[in-house]
Amino acid sequence: MNDFVLEQRVSTVETNLTRLERKMDIYGKDSHEHLTRLEDWLIQYSMKTQGFIEESQRWRQSMEESRLKSEQEMRDLRQIVTENQQRTEQGFKELRQNMAESQERLAESQEKNDIGFKELRQNMAESQEKNDIGFKELRQKIADSRKELGQISHRLGTVVEDLVAPSLPRILRETISCPNEEVLINVRVRRRHPIEKGKVLEIDAIADCGHYVLFNETKSQFTPEKVKAFLEKLAKVREYFPEYQSHQIMGCIASLYLDQSLIKYAGRQGLLALASGEYLMTCQNVAGFQWKNF
């Protein structure tokens, strides 16, 4: 091999070596950068991995705590269920005992009720029998009472004949100095209207003494309303008794008893007020009474 060729080869080798050195420098720099990047990535990866590990450890710890808590809750729940079951069993036991006692008391009460209802039915039967007898006696007493009331009513209806009418001559004699032998008494007088034949006027008693005529109204009990009704009747007597047109007409009310207020009221209306007294029917008007000519 000649020197020229050798020099060329040496020059080529040197050139290649120079290139190789430059490439090595470039590769060294790139490798450094890559290694630096790789190291940074490894550091970041390690940090993230460590975070994951710590998070995983915390999760495991939380899960363990939850498991322990759940186990404790399950134990507590089983304890509660056991206690509730025991109380329920005790309650059912007491309930069965109470039901047995209640049935026993119910049987006793039923027996007592049967006896009581039997006695009640017997008492009701006896009471019904007594009531029937009592109602029978009551109906008889009512019938007797009605009979007595009828008799009393009949006797009250004849008061004007039994008490009032015989006293009128004396009343007239004391009031207007009418001689007793001149008094004409009529009781239960019914007079039909001379024109209107459908109308009738009833007067309990009429005492005729000369120029005076006394019209009497007798009631078992007088009220101001009944006095007013009698005054209205007196206002019509001349229509029904035309024979008394020229007479002086007097009015009087009579009863076994008259209240003082009613006597005063009748006196203000010009009516004589007669009630039972020393001589059977006695004039009850106050001193100075002036009778009215109706």
Foldseek 3Di string as FASTA:
>chain_A
DDPVVVVVVVVVVVVVVVVVVVVVVVVVVVVVVVVVVVVVVVVVVVVVVVVVVVVVVVVVVVVVVVVVVVVVVVVVVVVVVVVVVVVVVVVVVVVVVVVVVVVVVVVVVVVVVVVVVVVVVVVVVVVVVVVVVVVVVVVVVVVVVVVVVVVVVVVLLCCCVVFVQVCVLVVCCVVVVFDSVQKDKDAFDWFAQPPPRVDIATFGMWIDGPQEIETEAEDQDDDVVVLVVVVVSVVCVCRRCVVNVRGFYFYEYEHQDDDPVVLVVCLVVQYFYWHQDPRGTDTDHDPPGHHHRD
